[in-house]
Protein backbone atom coordinates (compact mmCIF):
# COMPACT_ATOMS: atom_id res chain seq x y z
CA THR A 1 7.56 33.85 14.02
CA ILE A 2 5.59 34.83 10.92
CA LYS A 3 8.09 32.90 8.82
CA SER A 4 7.78 29.97 11.22
CA ASN A 5 3.98 29.98 10.99
CA ILE A 6 4.08 30.12 7.20
CA TYR A 7 6.50 27.19 7.16
CA LYS A 8 4.30 25.20 9.57
CA LYS A 9 1.23 25.79 7.37
CA PHE A 10 3.21 24.79 4.29
CA LEU A 11 4.46 21.65 6.00
CA LEU A 12 1.00 20.71 7.30
CA LYS A 13 -0.43 21.19 3.82
CA LYS A 14 2.20 18.84 2.39
CA VAL A 15 1.63 16.22 5.10
CA ALA A 16 -2.16 16.37 4.63
CA ALA A 17 -1.68 16.05 0.86
CA PHE A 18 0.59 13.04 1.36
CA PHE A 19 -2.02 11.27 3.50
CA LYS A 20 -4.64 12.07 0.90
CA LEU A 21 -2.34 10.75 -1.83
CA ILE A 22 -1.76 7.40 -0.11
CA ARG A 23 -5.49 7.13 0.74
CA TYR A 24 -4.92 6.52 4.44
CA LYS A 25 -8.56 5.53 5.04
CA ASN A 26 -8.23 2.61 2.62
CA LEU A 27 -4.96 1.61 4.28
CA PHE A 28 -6.71 1.57 7.65
CA PHE A 29 -9.13 -1.05 6.29
CA ILE A 30 -6.23 -3.20 5.11
CA VAL A 31 -4.79 -3.12 8.64
CA LEU A 32 -8.20 -3.84 10.14
CA ALA A 33 -8.88 -6.76 7.80
CA GLN A 34 -5.46 -8.30 8.39
CA CYS A 35 -5.75 -7.93 12.17
CA LEU A 36 -9.23 -9.44 12.23
CA LEU A 37 -8.11 -12.38 10.10
CA GLN A 38 -4.97 -12.93 12.16
CA PHE A 39 -6.42 -12.57 15.64
CA CYS A 40 -9.98 -13.83 15.15
CA ILE A 41 -9.46 -16.69 12.71
CA ILE A 42 -5.86 -17.77 12.11
CA GLN A 43 -4.49 -17.69 15.65
CA PRO A 44 -7.53 -19.39 17.25
CA LEU A 45 -7.39 -22.14 14.63
CA TYR A 46 -3.67 -22.73 15.07
CA TYR A 47 -3.82 -22.60 18.86
CA GLU A 48 -6.66 -25.12 18.85
CA VAL A 49 -4.26 -27.71 17.43
CA ASN A 50 -1.26 -26.47 19.46
CA LEU A 51 0.60 -24.87 16.53
CA LEU A 52 1.97 -21.40 15.96
CA PRO A 53 1.09 -19.57 12.74
CA ALA A 54 4.05 -19.07 10.39
CA ILE A 55 3.40 -15.33 10.42
CA ASP A 56 3.12 -14.26 14.04
CA GLY A 57 4.32 -11.43 16.30
CA LEU A 58 6.96 -9.26 14.67
CA HIS A 59 6.54 -11.07 11.35
CA PHE A 60 2.83 -10.19 11.35
CA ILE A 61 3.59 -6.51 12.06
CA LEU A 62 6.13 -6.44 9.23
CA ILE A 63 3.69 -8.07 6.80
CA VAL A 64 1.07 -5.46 7.72
CA ILE A 65 3.63 -2.70 7.15
CA ALA A 66 4.58 -4.30 3.84
CA SER A 67 0.94 -4.57 2.78
CA ILE A 68 0.07 -0.96 3.54
CA SER A 69 3.34 0.32 2.05
CA ILE A 70 2.80 -1.52 -1.23
CA ALA A 71 -0.88 -0.51 -1.34
CA ALA A 72 0.06 3.12 -0.61
CA ALA A 73 2.66 2.99 -3.39
CA GLY A 74 -0.03 1.64 -5.71
CA ASN A 75 -2.33 4.54 -4.79
CA VAL A 76 0.48 7.02 -5.36
CA ILE A 77 1.41 5.72 -8.82
CA ASN A 78 -2.26 5.50 -9.75
CA ASP A 79 -2.70 9.21 -9.00
CA TYR A 80 0.48 9.94 -10.94
CA PHE A 81 -0.94 8.34 -14.08
CA ASP A 82 -4.41 9.85 -13.50
CA ILE A 83 -3.27 13.47 -13.37
CA ASN A 84 -4.84 14.46 -16.72
CA ILE A 85 -8.15 12.74 -15.91
CA ASP A 86 -8.20 14.26 -12.42
CA LEU A 87 -7.59 17.74 -13.84
CA ILE A 88 -10.96 17.40 -15.59
CA ASN A 89 -12.98 15.21 -13.20
CA LYS A 90 -11.85 16.49 -9.79
CA PRO A 91 -9.67 19.58 -10.11
CA ASN A 92 -10.40 20.68 -6.51
CA LYS A 93 -9.16 17.37 -5.08
CA LEU A 94 -5.98 17.22 -7.16
CA VAL A 95 -2.79 16.59 -5.19
CA VAL A 96 -0.24 15.58 -7.84
CA ASN A 97 1.46 18.59 -9.41
CA LYS A 98 -0.75 20.96 -7.39
CA ILE A 99 0.58 20.30 -3.88
CA ILE A 100 3.10 17.49 -4.38
CA SER A 101 5.28 17.59 -7.49
CA ARG A 102 5.35 14.66 -9.92
CA ARG A 103 8.99 14.07 -9.02
CA TRP A 104 8.11 13.69 -5.31
CA VAL A 105 5.22 11.40 -6.21
CA ILE A 106 7.65 9.08 -8.00
CA PHE A 107 10.04 9.34 -5.05
CA TRP A 108 7.30 8.30 -2.60
CA HIS A 109 6.21 5.50 -4.93
CA LEU A 110 9.74 4.09 -4.88
CA VAL A 111 10.27 4.58 -1.13
CA LEU A 112 6.95 2.97 -0.19
CA ASN A 113 7.60 0.00 -2.46
CA LEU A 114 11.10 -0.34 -1.04
CA ILE A 115 9.74 -0.35 2.53
CA GLY A 116 7.19 -2.99 1.58
CA LEU A 117 9.68 -5.22 -0.18
CA VAL A 118 12.35 -4.93 2.54
CA CYS A 119 9.80 -5.90 5.21
CA THR A 120 8.62 -8.79 3.05
CA MET A 121 12.17 -9.95 2.36
CA TYR A 122 12.99 -9.99 6.07
CA VAL A 123 9.89 -12.07 6.88
CA SER A 124 10.51 -14.37 3.90
CA LEU A 125 14.04 -15.08 5.08
CA LYS A 126 13.04 -15.58 8.71
CA ILE A 127 10.19 -18.00 8.01
CA LYS A 128 12.02 -19.57 5.05
CA MET A 129 9.26 -18.84 2.55
CA SER A 130 10.72 -17.05 -0.47
CA SER A 131 7.37 -17.19 -2.23
CA LEU A 132 6.15 -14.30 -0.05
CA PHE A 133 8.86 -12.01 -1.38
CA ILE A 134 8.27 -13.13 -4.95
CA ALA A 135 4.51 -12.64 -4.62
CA ASN A 136 4.82 -9.13 -3.16
CA THR A 137 7.34 -8.20 -5.85
CA VAL A 138 4.82 -9.35 -8.46
CA CYS A 139 2.16 -7.24 -6.68
CA VAL A 140 4.38 -4.16 -6.97
CA LEU A 141 4.85 -4.78 -10.69
CA LEU A 142 1.16 -5.50 -11.27
CA LEU A 143 0.09 -2.32 -9.47
CA PHE A 144 2.38 -0.33 -11.74
CA ILE A 145 1.10 -2.09 -14.87
CA TYR A 146 -2.49 -1.59 -13.70
CA SER A 147 -1.96 2.15 -13.18
CA ALA A 148 -0.08 2.60 -16.44
CA SER A 149 -2.45 0.70 -18.73
CA LEU A 150 -4.66 -2.09 -17.38
CA LYS A 151 -7.17 0.13 -15.59
CA LYS A 152 -8.32 1.28 -19.01
CA LYS A 153 -9.24 -2.30 -19.89
CA LEU A 154 -12.48 -2.79 -18.01
CA LEU A 155 -12.52 -6.50 -17.28
CA TRP A 156 -8.78 -7.11 -16.86
CA GLY A 157 -8.30 -4.13 -14.60
CA ASN A 158 -11.17 -5.17 -12.33
CA ILE A 159 -9.95 -8.77 -12.15
CA LEU A 160 -6.44 -7.64 -11.24
CA VAL A 161 -7.65 -5.28 -8.52
CA SER A 162 -9.83 -8.08 -7.10
CA LEU A 163 -6.89 -10.48 -7.00
CA LEU A 164 -4.59 -7.92 -5.39
CA THR A 165 -7.26 -7.11 -2.81
CA ALA A 166 -7.61 -10.81 -1.98
CA TRP A 167 -3.82 -11.10 -1.69
CA VAL A 168 -3.88 -8.69 1.27
CA LEU A 169 -5.59 -11.47 3.24
CA MET A 170 -4.08 -14.49 1.50
CA ILE A 171 -0.55 -13.42 2.43
CA LEU A 172 -1.35 -14.29 6.05
CA ILE A 173 -2.52 -17.83 5.37
């Protein structure tokens, strides 16, 4: 049982670190914003003119999953590239290489992006709108480019983050 307790603590530490790495609080606000837009604005407007939104029901759930998966992957890769800065600025809050290895961080980055793109592809095929898949693929690439280099360029990095933040809502329209 001592071994079991040690393993449980180890596992809980890893799970807590993972949630910290993906910035679950920020992801909650993405879900909240998308739900408010969908259920308080889009659906009432469409129902007023007797139409159904293109992204509804299961498609909406999959787009939300895609959005938070891609955003989480962006957070993960951002922390991966920030490891040296975080060692200096916030060594007590460091997750990458301290609790979760760099290799696992890259693994989670790839898995989260894959989840996001598979969900987007399914919705794109079902509603016959390939531009959704293309746009989310571009978002994945831009988040990587931002983390690798653009965040160091003050204006361009801020503009890109603003556009990607707006996309979280625009994808529903």
